[in-house]
N, C-alpha and C. Protein backbone atom coordinates (compact mmCIF):
# COMPACT_ATOMS: atom_id res chain seq x y z
N MET A 1 0.86 -1.16 0.00
CA MET A 1 0.00 0.00 0.00
C MET A 1 0.90 1.23 0.00
N ILE A 2 0.48 2.25 -0.70
CA ILE A 2 1.21 3.51 -0.70
C ILE A 2 0.28 4.58 -0.12
N LEU A 3 0.77 5.25 0.91
CA LEU A 3 0.04 6.34 1.54
C LEU A 3 0.66 7.64 1.06
N LYS A 4 -0.13 8.47 0.39
CA LYS A 4 0.37 9.73 -0.16
C LYS A 4 -0.20 10.89 0.64
N ILE A 5 0.68 11.75 1.13
CA ILE A 5 0.26 12.92 1.87
C ILE A 5 -0.27 13.94 0.87
N ILE A 6 -1.55 14.28 0.98
CA ILE A 6 -2.17 15.21 0.05
C ILE A 6 -2.18 16.62 0.61
N GLU A 7 -2.52 16.75 1.89
CA GLU A 7 -2.59 18.06 2.52
C GLU A 7 -2.08 17.95 3.95
N ALA A 8 -1.10 18.78 4.30
CA ALA A 8 -0.55 18.76 5.65
C ALA A 8 0.14 20.08 5.93
N ASN A 9 0.15 20.46 7.19
CA ASN A 9 0.79 21.71 7.58
C ASN A 9 2.29 21.54 7.81
N PHE A 10 2.72 20.35 8.17
CA PHE A 10 4.11 20.19 8.58
C PHE A 10 4.81 19.00 7.94
N ILE A 11 4.25 18.47 6.88
CA ILE A 11 4.90 17.41 6.11
C ILE A 11 4.81 17.82 4.64
N LYS A 12 5.85 17.57 3.91
CA LYS A 12 5.85 17.92 2.49
C LYS A 12 4.73 17.18 1.78
N GLU A 13 3.87 17.94 1.09
CA GLU A 13 2.80 17.32 0.32
C GLU A 13 3.41 16.47 -0.79
N GLU A 14 2.70 15.43 -1.15
CA GLU A 14 3.12 14.44 -2.15
C GLU A 14 4.14 13.45 -1.58
N THR A 15 4.41 13.50 -0.27
CA THR A 15 5.27 12.50 0.35
C THR A 15 4.61 11.14 0.23
N LEU A 16 5.37 10.12 -0.15
CA LEU A 16 4.85 8.77 -0.30
C LEU A 16 5.41 7.89 0.81
N LEU A 17 4.52 7.17 1.50
CA LEU A 17 4.92 6.22 2.52
C LEU A 17 4.55 4.83 2.02
N HIS A 18 5.53 3.96 1.93
CA HIS A 18 5.33 2.60 1.42
C HIS A 18 5.08 1.66 2.61
N ILE A 19 3.91 1.03 2.58
CA ILE A 19 3.49 0.16 3.67
C ILE A 19 3.27 -1.24 3.11
N ASN A 20 3.79 -2.24 3.82
CA ASN A 20 3.55 -3.62 3.45
C ASN A 20 3.01 -4.35 4.67
N PRO A 21 2.59 -5.59 4.55
CA PRO A 21 2.00 -6.29 5.71
C PRO A 21 2.91 -6.34 6.94
N GLY A 22 4.21 -6.22 6.77
CA GLY A 22 5.12 -6.22 7.92
C GLY A 22 5.20 -4.88 8.61
N GLY A 23 4.93 -3.80 7.88
CA GLY A 23 5.00 -2.46 8.46
C GLY A 23 5.43 -1.43 7.45
N LEU A 24 5.92 -0.31 7.95
CA LEU A 24 6.34 0.81 7.12
C LEU A 24 7.78 0.60 6.67
N GLU A 25 8.02 0.70 5.36
CA GLU A 25 9.39 0.64 4.86
C GLU A 25 10.13 1.86 5.39
N SER A 26 11.36 1.70 5.78
CA SER A 26 12.20 2.73 6.40
C SER A 26 11.58 3.27 7.69
N SER A 27 11.01 2.36 8.47
CA SER A 27 10.40 2.69 9.76
C SER A 27 11.46 3.15 10.75
N GLU A 28 11.12 4.13 11.57
CA GLU A 28 12.02 4.56 12.63
C GLU A 28 11.96 3.60 13.82
N ARG A 29 10.91 2.78 13.91
CA ARG A 29 10.74 1.83 15.01
C ARG A 29 11.43 0.50 14.70
N LEU A 30 11.67 0.22 13.44
CA LEU A 30 12.37 -0.98 12.98
C LEU A 30 11.68 -2.29 13.37
N ALA A 31 10.39 -2.28 13.57
CA ALA A 31 9.64 -3.50 13.90
C ALA A 31 8.88 -3.97 12.67
N LYS A 32 8.76 -5.26 12.51
CA LYS A 32 8.01 -5.86 11.41
C LYS A 32 6.83 -6.64 11.99
N ASP A 33 5.97 -5.94 12.73
CA ASP A 33 4.86 -6.58 13.44
C ASP A 33 3.49 -6.29 12.83
N GLY A 34 3.46 -5.63 11.66
CA GLY A 34 2.19 -5.36 11.00
C GLY A 34 1.45 -4.15 11.52
N VAL A 35 2.07 -3.38 12.42
CA VAL A 35 1.46 -2.17 12.96
C VAL A 35 2.37 -0.99 12.66
N ILE A 36 1.79 0.10 12.18
CA ILE A 36 2.54 1.30 11.90
C ILE A 36 1.99 2.40 12.79
N TYR A 37 2.83 2.97 13.66
CA TYR A 37 2.42 4.04 14.56
C TYR A 37 2.91 5.37 14.03
N PHE A 38 2.00 6.35 14.04
CA PHE A 38 2.31 7.72 13.62
C PHE A 38 2.11 8.63 14.83
N GLY A 39 3.03 9.51 15.08
CA GLY A 39 2.91 10.44 16.20
C GLY A 39 4.09 11.38 16.23
N LYS A 40 4.14 12.20 17.30
CA LYS A 40 5.26 13.12 17.40
C LYS A 40 6.40 12.44 18.15
N GLN A 41 7.59 12.86 17.82
CA GLN A 41 8.77 12.25 18.43
C GLN A 41 8.82 12.61 19.91
N ASN A 42 9.01 11.57 20.76
CA ASN A 42 9.06 11.77 22.20
C ASN A 42 9.85 10.64 22.83
N ASP A 43 10.08 10.74 24.11
CA ASP A 43 10.88 9.72 24.81
C ASP A 43 10.06 8.52 25.24
N GLU A 44 8.75 8.68 25.37
CA GLU A 44 7.91 7.59 25.88
C GLU A 44 7.54 6.56 24.81
N PHE A 45 7.18 7.02 23.62
CA PHE A 45 6.76 6.12 22.56
C PHE A 45 7.75 6.21 21.40
N ILE A 46 7.98 5.09 20.77
CA ILE A 46 8.77 5.08 19.54
C ILE A 46 7.78 4.80 18.41
N ASN A 47 7.70 5.71 17.48
CA ASN A 47 6.78 5.59 16.36
C ASN A 47 7.52 5.18 15.10
N ASP A 48 6.77 4.63 14.16
CA ASP A 48 7.34 4.30 12.85
C ASP A 48 7.57 5.56 12.03
N PHE A 49 6.65 6.51 12.18
CA PHE A 49 6.74 7.77 11.45
C PHE A 49 6.49 8.90 12.44
N ASN A 50 7.45 9.81 12.56
CA ASN A 50 7.33 10.92 13.50
C ASN A 50 7.01 12.22 12.78
N PHE A 51 5.98 12.89 13.27
CA PHE A 51 5.65 14.24 12.82
C PHE A 51 6.51 15.21 13.62
N PRO A 52 6.69 16.43 13.12
CA PRO A 52 7.39 17.43 13.93
C PRO A 52 6.66 17.65 15.25
N ASN A 53 7.40 18.03 16.27
CA ASN A 53 6.82 18.26 17.59
C ASN A 53 5.86 19.44 17.53
N ASP A 54 4.58 19.16 17.70
CA ASP A 54 3.52 20.15 17.60
C ASP A 54 2.47 19.81 18.65
N GLU A 55 1.92 20.81 19.30
CA GLU A 55 0.93 20.56 20.37
C GLU A 55 -0.36 19.93 19.85
N ASN A 56 -0.63 20.01 18.56
CA ASN A 56 -1.84 19.44 17.99
C ASN A 56 -1.67 17.98 17.57
N VAL A 57 -0.46 17.46 17.72
CA VAL A 57 -0.18 16.08 17.35
C VAL A 57 0.08 15.28 18.62
N GLY A 58 -0.54 14.12 18.71
CA GLY A 58 -0.37 13.28 19.88
C GLY A 58 0.93 12.49 19.85
N ASP A 59 1.32 11.99 21.03
CA ASP A 59 2.50 11.13 21.09
C ASP A 59 2.33 9.94 20.15
N ARG A 60 1.14 9.40 20.14
CA ARG A 60 0.72 8.42 19.13
C ARG A 60 -0.59 8.92 18.56
N GLN A 61 -0.53 9.45 17.35
CA GLN A 61 -1.69 10.09 16.73
C GLN A 61 -2.65 9.06 16.14
N PHE A 62 -2.11 8.12 15.36
CA PHE A 62 -2.94 7.07 14.79
C PHE A 62 -2.08 5.87 14.44
N GLU A 63 -2.75 4.77 14.15
CA GLU A 63 -2.05 3.55 13.74
C GLU A 63 -2.71 2.96 12.52
N ILE A 64 -1.94 2.27 11.73
CA ILE A 64 -2.45 1.45 10.64
C ILE A 64 -1.97 0.04 10.93
N LYS A 65 -2.91 -0.89 10.93
CA LYS A 65 -2.59 -2.27 11.29
C LYS A 65 -3.03 -3.19 10.16
N TYR A 66 -2.18 -4.15 9.85
CA TYR A 66 -2.52 -5.14 8.83
C TYR A 66 -3.26 -6.30 9.49
N ASP A 67 -4.42 -6.65 8.95
CA ASP A 67 -5.22 -7.78 9.44
C ASP A 67 -4.91 -8.98 8.55
N ILE A 68 -4.14 -9.90 9.08
CA ILE A 68 -3.69 -11.06 8.29
C ILE A 68 -4.85 -11.97 7.91
N ILE A 69 -5.88 -12.06 8.73
CA ILE A 69 -7.02 -12.94 8.45
C ILE A 69 -7.87 -12.39 7.31
N LYS A 70 -8.16 -11.08 7.35
CA LYS A 70 -9.00 -10.46 6.32
C LYS A 70 -8.19 -9.89 5.16
N ASN A 71 -6.84 -9.95 5.27
CA ASN A 71 -5.96 -9.45 4.23
C ASN A 71 -6.29 -8.00 3.86
N CYS A 72 -6.33 -7.15 4.91
CA CYS A 72 -6.62 -5.74 4.69
C CYS A 72 -5.93 -4.90 5.76
N TYR A 73 -5.92 -3.60 5.54
CA TYR A 73 -5.35 -2.66 6.50
C TYR A 73 -6.49 -1.95 7.21
N ARG A 74 -6.27 -1.66 8.50
CA ARG A 74 -7.25 -0.92 9.30
C ARG A 74 -6.55 0.26 9.95
N ALA A 75 -7.21 1.41 9.93
CA ALA A 75 -6.67 2.62 10.55
C ALA A 75 -7.47 2.94 11.80
N LYS A 76 -6.77 3.39 12.83
CA LYS A 76 -7.43 3.72 14.10
C LYS A 76 -6.86 5.04 14.63
N ASN A 77 -7.75 5.97 14.94
CA ASN A 77 -7.36 7.23 15.54
C ASN A 77 -7.02 7.00 17.01
N LEU A 78 -5.91 7.52 17.48
CA LEU A 78 -5.50 7.33 18.86
C LEU A 78 -5.46 8.63 19.65
N PHE A 79 -5.61 9.78 18.97
CA PHE A 79 -5.52 11.08 19.64
C PHE A 79 -6.26 12.12 18.81
N GLY A 80 -6.95 13.03 19.46
CA GLY A 80 -7.56 14.16 18.76
C GLY A 80 -8.96 13.86 18.26
N THR A 81 -9.38 14.69 17.33
CA THR A 81 -10.78 14.67 16.91
C THR A 81 -11.08 13.81 15.70
N GLY A 82 -10.09 13.39 14.96
CA GLY A 82 -10.43 12.59 13.79
C GLY A 82 -9.24 12.20 12.96
N LEU A 83 -9.52 11.30 12.07
CA LEU A 83 -8.52 10.78 11.15
C LEU A 83 -9.22 10.66 9.81
N PHE A 84 -8.64 11.24 8.77
CA PHE A 84 -9.30 11.26 7.47
C PHE A 84 -8.39 10.66 6.41
N PHE A 85 -8.96 9.74 5.64
CA PHE A 85 -8.26 9.13 4.52
C PHE A 85 -9.13 9.29 3.29
N ASN A 86 -8.50 9.51 2.16
CA ASN A 86 -9.19 9.52 0.88
C ASN A 86 -8.63 8.34 0.09
N ILE A 87 -9.45 7.34 -0.16
CA ILE A 87 -9.02 6.17 -0.90
C ILE A 87 -9.12 6.48 -2.39
N ASP A 88 -7.98 6.56 -3.04
CA ASP A 88 -7.94 6.93 -4.44
C ASP A 88 -8.20 5.73 -5.34
N LYS A 89 -7.50 4.65 -5.10
CA LYS A 89 -7.75 3.45 -5.88
C LYS A 89 -7.32 2.23 -5.09
N LYS A 90 -8.00 1.16 -5.34
CA LYS A 90 -7.72 -0.10 -4.66
C LYS A 90 -6.94 -0.98 -5.61
N LEU A 91 -5.89 -1.57 -5.10
CA LEU A 91 -5.10 -2.49 -5.88
C LEU A 91 -5.51 -3.91 -5.52
N VAL A 92 -5.85 -4.66 -6.52
CA VAL A 92 -6.25 -6.05 -6.30
C VAL A 92 -5.18 -6.94 -6.89
N LYS A 93 -4.66 -7.85 -6.10
CA LYS A 93 -3.68 -8.80 -6.60
C LYS A 93 -4.39 -10.03 -7.13
N LEU A 94 -4.00 -10.44 -8.31
CA LEU A 94 -4.55 -11.65 -8.91
C LEU A 94 -3.43 -12.67 -9.01
N TYR A 95 -3.72 -13.86 -8.62
CA TYR A 95 -2.73 -14.93 -8.64
C TYR A 95 -3.17 -15.98 -9.67
N ASN A 96 -2.23 -16.39 -10.49
CA ASN A 96 -2.48 -17.46 -11.45
C ASN A 96 -1.78 -18.71 -10.94
N TYR A 97 -2.56 -19.74 -10.70
CA TYR A 97 -1.99 -21.00 -10.24
C TYR A 97 -2.03 -21.99 -11.40
N ILE A 98 -0.92 -22.63 -11.63
CA ILE A 98 -0.83 -23.60 -12.74
C ILE A 98 -0.97 -25.00 -12.18
C-alpha cells in the first residue's frame, strides 16, 4: 500500500509512505509486526513515522494495522478529533496457479 500525503501543515505534500504487511518501509521503530504508529517524536513512545513536535499532534496520533485474516489494512485514531483518509484506488492482486 502507498500512503500519499495530500494536505498537511508540517509534512511535504506528495510525500509517499510505502506500507507492506510487515510495516512501514524505512520505519524509525524498525519493527516488522504489521502495525505502523504515527505520532510526534518523544521519549515515551517510539513511532514508525514521527511528525514534527507540535501541540496538535499526539505522542501516538494514529495507527495502521494489517489484518492477516481479512488481508486488509485498518486505521485507528488514537488522539484528537479525527482521522481522514481519501481512498484513491484499490489495488487487487490476482494470482495465477498452474
